[in-house]
Amino acid sequence: MLFLLMFTFIMLFPVIWRVNAFPFATRSLYNAYIAERFLYVPLMSFSLFATVSASRALRNKINYLFAGWLLILVAFINITMASNKTWRDDLTLFKKIVKIAHDSPYMRLYLGNAHYKNGQFSEAIEEYKKILNMPPLDKITMTAQNNLAAIYIDQGRLEDAIHELKGALKQRPNEVRIIHGLGNAYLRMGLIDTAIGYYLTALKLDPSNSSFHNNLGVAYTKKGLRNAAIREFQAALNINPDHAQSRLNLEALREKE
């Protein structure tokens, strides 16, 4: 009996410690809550403890005990069925979480990403902007700025994209995704030399990224540097033979010979 009760708290201790040990770094900024998956094993132990305790207390009233557990089972089945609707997809899940942890930038980032993935760009922009209005959290803030800029690039709002990316770059000057994003924005603007400069910087930081080589090849193609473009497309395929866009770009250039 005592072991079952102690085991419940033993299994909960690591999670409780994680949430409470760093109140300023964790709770106030991330609004950490104990995710339900961490309660599965402790609840199994607690259920056994409760069952044994109730069996001993109601030894002569087994029918009442059975009826009570049956009601609890039915209640939990209903709760599980309701939870399945919440877990239907990322968008539904994180919408519900944000209602609870509405000032958590971490959860809003997930919600924004879910909107972005579903093509709901206006809603994604709204979530990313809410994150940027919160106290800065380094990687989370940077990711929100980077994703916001990616949407702006897709929408053709290139000056807005560059503004966000340069703001993020001030916080993380060696963040390769931001540097590469600036290259994409300037390429879309037609400022090819500027784009090439950012792509080359990105490749110095991450020379094994096939997408970076491909985009640099695209910039060289626009500039009329055919051999340099072929070299970059081939480099992308050497890194990742399945990089379809690089293969298409390379074949298109060779057909022009």
Protein backbone atom coordinates (compact mmCIF):
# COMPACT_ATOMS: atom_id res chain seq x y z
CA MET A 1 0.00 0.00 0.00
CA LEU A 2 2.63 2.50 1.09
CA PHE A 3 4.82 1.54 -1.87
CA LEU A 4 1.99 2.22 -4.34
CA LEU A 5 1.43 5.66 -2.88
CA MET A 6 5.16 6.48 -2.77
CA PHE A 7 5.66 5.19 -6.33
CA THR A 8 3.09 7.72 -7.59
CA PHE A 9 5.13 10.64 -6.22
CA ILE A 10 8.45 9.08 -7.22
CA MET A 11 7.30 9.03 -10.86
CA LEU A 12 5.94 12.58 -10.62
CA PHE A 13 9.02 14.07 -8.95
CA PRO A 14 11.17 14.62 -12.11
CA VAL A 15 8.32 16.45 -13.85
CA ILE A 16 7.38 18.53 -10.80
CA TRP A 17 11.05 19.45 -10.38
CA ARG A 18 11.34 20.42 -14.05
CA VAL A 19 8.36 22.76 -13.86
CA ASN A 20 9.22 24.33 -10.50
CA ALA A 21 13.01 24.33 -10.29
CA PHE A 22 13.45 27.31 -12.60
CA PRO A 23 10.45 29.58 -11.95
CA PHE A 24 11.90 32.59 -13.76
CA ALA A 25 13.39 30.80 -16.73
CA THR A 26 10.62 28.27 -17.12
CA ARG A 27 7.27 29.14 -15.61
CA SER A 28 7.10 32.90 -16.07
CA LEU A 29 8.39 32.83 -19.64
CA TYR A 30 7.16 29.50 -20.98
CA ASN A 31 4.18 29.00 -18.64
CA ALA A 32 5.10 25.34 -18.25
CA TYR A 33 2.39 22.88 -17.31
CA ILE A 34 2.65 19.16 -16.66
CA ALA A 35 1.72 17.49 -19.93
CA GLU A 36 -0.82 14.71 -19.51
CA ARG A 37 1.53 12.05 -20.91
CA PHE A 38 3.72 12.44 -17.80
CA LEU A 39 0.77 11.39 -15.63
CA TYR A 40 0.11 8.01 -17.23
CA VAL A 41 2.43 5.88 -15.07
CA PRO A 42 1.75 7.78 -11.80
CA LEU A 43 -1.99 7.42 -12.39
CA MET A 44 -1.63 3.67 -12.89
CA SER A 45 0.08 3.42 -9.53
CA PHE A 46 -2.43 5.73 -7.85
CA SER A 47 -5.34 3.77 -9.35
CA LEU A 48 -3.98 0.56 -7.86
CA PHE A 49 -3.57 2.30 -4.50
CA ALA A 50 -7.13 3.66 -4.64
CA THR A 51 -8.53 0.27 -5.68
CA VAL A 52 -6.82 -1.60 -2.85
CA SER A 53 -7.83 1.07 -0.33
CA ALA A 54 -11.46 1.06 -1.47
CA SER A 55 -11.57 -2.75 -1.49
CA ARG A 56 -10.42 -2.86 2.11
CA ALA A 57 -12.78 -0.09 3.22
CA LEU A 58 -15.79 -1.60 1.41
CA ARG A 59 -14.97 -5.26 1.90
CA ASN A 60 -18.55 -6.13 2.70
CA LYS A 61 -20.10 -3.79 0.11
CA ILE A 62 -18.57 -5.10 -3.07
CA ASN A 63 -21.61 -4.11 -5.17
CA TYR A 64 -21.18 -0.46 -4.21
CA LEU A 65 -17.49 -0.69 -5.03
CA PHE A 66 -18.21 -2.19 -8.44
CA ALA A 67 -20.86 0.44 -9.22
CA GLY A 68 -18.52 3.23 -8.19
CA TRP A 69 -15.69 2.03 -10.41
CA LEU A 70 -18.13 1.52 -13.29
CA LEU A 71 -19.22 5.16 -13.02
CA ILE A 72 -15.60 6.29 -12.95
CA LEU A 73 -14.83 4.15 -16.02
CA VAL A 74 -17.75 5.64 -17.94
CA ALA A 75 -16.67 9.16 -16.96
CA PHE A 76 -13.11 8.55 -18.16
CA ILE A 77 -14.32 7.04 -21.42
CA ASN A 78 -16.29 10.24 -22.08
CA ILE A 79 -13.28 12.38 -21.19
CA THR A 80 -11.08 10.32 -23.54
CA MET A 81 -13.56 10.66 -26.40
CA ALA A 82 -13.67 14.43 -25.87
CA SER A 83 -9.86 14.58 -25.77
CA ASN A 84 -9.63 12.75 -29.08
CA LYS A 85 -11.35 15.72 -30.72
CA THR A 86 -8.70 18.04 -29.27
CA TRP A 87 -5.87 15.81 -30.53
CA ARG A 88 -7.39 15.60 -34.02
CA ASP A 89 -4.65 17.81 -35.49
CA ASP A 90 -1.99 20.32 -34.42
CA LEU A 91 -4.19 23.33 -35.08
CA THR A 92 -7.03 22.12 -32.86
CA LEU A 93 -4.61 21.03 -30.13
CA PHE A 94 -2.61 24.25 -29.92
CA LYS A 95 -5.70 26.44 -30.14
CA LYS A 96 -6.94 24.80 -26.97
CA ILE A 97 -3.55 25.00 -25.27
CA VAL A 98 -3.21 28.71 -26.06
CA LYS A 99 -6.58 29.34 -24.41
CA ILE A 100 -5.02 28.01 -21.21
CA ALA A 101 -1.45 29.28 -21.64
CA HIS A 102 -2.34 32.44 -23.56
CA ASP A 103 0.84 34.30 -22.55
CA SER A 104 3.20 31.46 -23.47
CA PRO A 105 5.32 32.41 -26.50
CA TYR A 106 6.36 28.78 -26.88
CA MET A 107 2.76 27.61 -27.37
CA ARG A 108 1.91 30.55 -29.61
CA LEU A 109 4.86 29.61 -31.81
CA TYR A 110 3.42 26.12 -32.23
CA LEU A 111 0.01 27.60 -33.02
CA GLY A 112 1.49 30.01 -35.54
CA ASN A 113 3.37 27.14 -37.18
CA ALA A 114 0.16 25.10 -37.38
CA HIS A 115 -1.61 28.00 -39.13
CA TYR A 116 1.41 28.43 -41.44
CA LYS A 117 1.37 24.72 -42.33
CA ASN A 118 -2.35 24.95 -43.18
CA GLY A 119 -1.82 28.00 -45.40
CA GLN A 120 -3.64 30.31 -42.97
CA PHE A 121 -1.09 33.07 -43.31
CA SER A 122 -3.09 35.90 -41.73
CA GLU A 123 -3.63 33.87 -38.57
CA ALA A 124 0.02 32.78 -38.52
CA ILE A 125 1.19 36.39 -38.85
CA GLU A 126 -1.07 37.38 -35.95
CA GLU A 127 0.46 34.71 -33.68
CA TYR A 128 4.04 35.55 -34.66
CA LYS A 129 3.43 39.24 -34.01
CA LYS A 130 2.03 38.45 -30.56
CA ILE A 131 5.28 36.62 -29.79
CA LEU A 132 7.32 39.63 -30.92
CA ASN A 133 5.33 41.82 -28.51
CA MET A 134 6.32 39.57 -25.60
CA PRO A 135 9.64 39.66 -23.72
CA PRO A 136 12.33 38.34 -26.11
CA LEU A 137 13.26 34.67 -25.72
CA ASP A 138 16.22 34.34 -28.07
CA LYS A 139 15.49 31.23 -30.17
CA ILE A 140 11.68 31.49 -29.94
CA THR A 141 11.68 35.16 -30.91
CA MET A 142 14.17 34.49 -33.70
CA THR A 143 12.08 31.62 -35.07
CA ALA A 144 8.94 33.77 -35.02
CA GLN A 145 10.75 36.55 -36.91
CA ASN A 146 12.16 34.08 -39.41
CA ASN A 147 8.78 32.44 -40.06
CA LEU A 148 7.08 35.81 -40.29
CA ALA A 149 9.65 36.88 -42.89
CA ALA A 150 9.09 33.65 -44.85
CA ILE A 151 5.37 34.45 -45.09
CA TYR A 152 6.14 38.01 -46.18
CA ILE A 153 8.44 36.67 -48.91
CA ASP A 154 5.69 34.31 -50.12
CA GLN A 155 3.28 37.26 -50.18
CA GLY A 156 5.73 39.51 -52.01
CA ARG A 157 6.08 41.85 -49.01
CA LEU A 158 9.84 41.85 -49.41
CA GLU A 159 10.67 45.04 -47.52
CA ASP A 160 8.69 43.78 -44.52
CA ALA A 161 10.54 40.46 -44.74
CA ILE A 162 13.95 42.17 -44.81
CA HIS A 163 12.97 44.34 -41.85
CA GLU A 164 12.09 41.28 -39.76
CA LEU A 165 15.16 39.33 -40.81
CA LYS A 166 17.57 42.16 -40.10
CA GLY A 167 15.98 42.62 -36.69
CA ALA A 168 16.51 38.92 -36.00
CA LEU A 169 20.06 39.06 -37.33
CA LYS A 170 20.98 41.71 -34.76
CA GLN A 171 20.06 39.24 -32.03
CA ARG A 172 21.75 36.23 -33.66
CA PRO A 173 24.35 37.44 -36.18
CA ASN A 174 25.53 33.93 -37.08
CA GLU A 175 22.11 32.32 -37.46
CA VAL A 176 22.34 30.70 -40.87
CA ARG A 177 18.58 30.48 -41.47
CA ILE A 178 18.23 34.25 -41.13
CA ILE A 179 21.17 34.91 -43.44
CA HIS A 180 19.77 32.53 -46.03
CA GLY A 181 16.34 34.13 -45.69
CA LEU A 182 17.84 37.54 -46.45
CA GLY A 183 19.40 36.04 -49.55
CA ASN A 184 15.98 34.77 -50.65
CA ALA A 185 14.36 38.15 -50.04
CA TYR A 186 17.01 40.10 -51.97
CA LEU A 187 16.89 37.57 -54.82
CA ARG A 188 13.13 38.11 -55.09
CA MET A 189 13.76 41.86 -55.15
CA GLY A 190 16.16 41.43 -58.06
CA LEU A 191 19.21 42.53 -56.04
CA ILE A 192 21.20 39.53 -57.21
CA ASP A 193 24.67 40.59 -56.03
CA THR A 194 23.37 41.27 -52.53
CA ALA A 195 21.57 37.91 -52.52
CA ILE A 196 24.75 36.12 -53.64
CA GLY A 197 26.66 37.74 -50.78
CA TYR A 198 24.18 36.42 -48.22
CA TYR A 199 24.12 32.95 -49.81
CA LEU A 200 27.93 32.76 -49.72
CA THR A 201 27.91 33.78 -46.05
CA ALA A 202 25.30 31.13 -45.29
CA LEU A 203 27.40 28.48 -47.05
CA LYS A 204 30.47 29.42 -45.02
CA LEU A 205 28.46 28.65 -41.90
CA ASP A 206 26.75 25.54 -43.32
CA PRO A 207 28.62 24.26 -46.40
CA SER A 208 26.74 20.95 -46.48
CA ASN A 209 23.28 22.44 -46.99
CA SER A 210 22.03 21.41 -50.42
CA SER A 211 19.27 24.04 -50.50
CA PHE A 212 21.81 26.82 -49.97
CA HIS A 213 23.88 25.57 -52.90
CA ASN A 214 20.77 25.33 -55.05
CA ASN A 215 19.64 28.88 -54.31
CA LEU A 216 23.13 30.22 -54.94
CA GLY A 217 23.02 28.39 -58.27
CA VAL A 218 19.71 30.08 -59.06
CA ALA A 219 21.27 33.48 -58.31
CA TYR A 220 24.25 32.70 -60.54
CA THR A 221 21.85 31.64 -63.30
CA LYS A 222 20.00 34.96 -63.06
CA LYS A 223 23.33 36.77 -63.23
CA GLY A 224 24.34 34.80 -66.34
CA LEU A 225 27.18 32.91 -64.62
CA ARG A 226 26.35 29.55 -66.16
CA ASN A 227 29.42 27.56 -65.09
CA ALA A 228 29.20 28.82 -61.52
CA ALA A 229 25.52 27.88 -61.44
CA ILE A 230 26.24 24.35 -62.72
CA ARG A 231 28.92 23.98 -60.05
CA GLU A 232 26.46 24.89 -57.29
CA PHE A 233 23.66 22.64 -58.58
CA GLN A 234 26.13 19.77 -58.83
CA ALA A 235 27.38 20.49 -55.31
CA ALA A 236 23.79 20.32 -54.04
CA LEU A 237 23.30 16.94 -55.74
CA ASN A 238 26.59 15.63 -54.37
CA ILE A 239 25.31 16.42 -50.87
CA ASN A 240 21.77 15.22 -51.51
CA PRO A 241 21.24 13.16 -54.70
CA ASP A 242 17.46 13.38 -54.13
CA HIS A 243 17.35 17.18 -54.23
CA ALA A 244 14.79 17.42 -57.04
CA GLN A 245 14.95 21.18 -57.61
CA SER A 246 18.73 21.14 -58.09
CA ARG A 247 18.42 18.31 -60.61
CA LEU A 248 15.74 20.18 -62.56
CA ASN A 249 17.79 23.38 -62.55
CA LEU A 250 20.91 21.53 -63.68
CA GLU A 251 19.09 19.74 -66.51
CA ALA A 252 17.53 23.03 -67.64
CA LEU A 253 20.96 24.66 -67.92
CA ARG A 254 22.50 21.72 -69.78
CA GLU A 255 19.63 21.68 -72.28
CA LYS A 256 20.67 25.20 -73.27
CA GLU A 257 24.17 24.05 -74.35
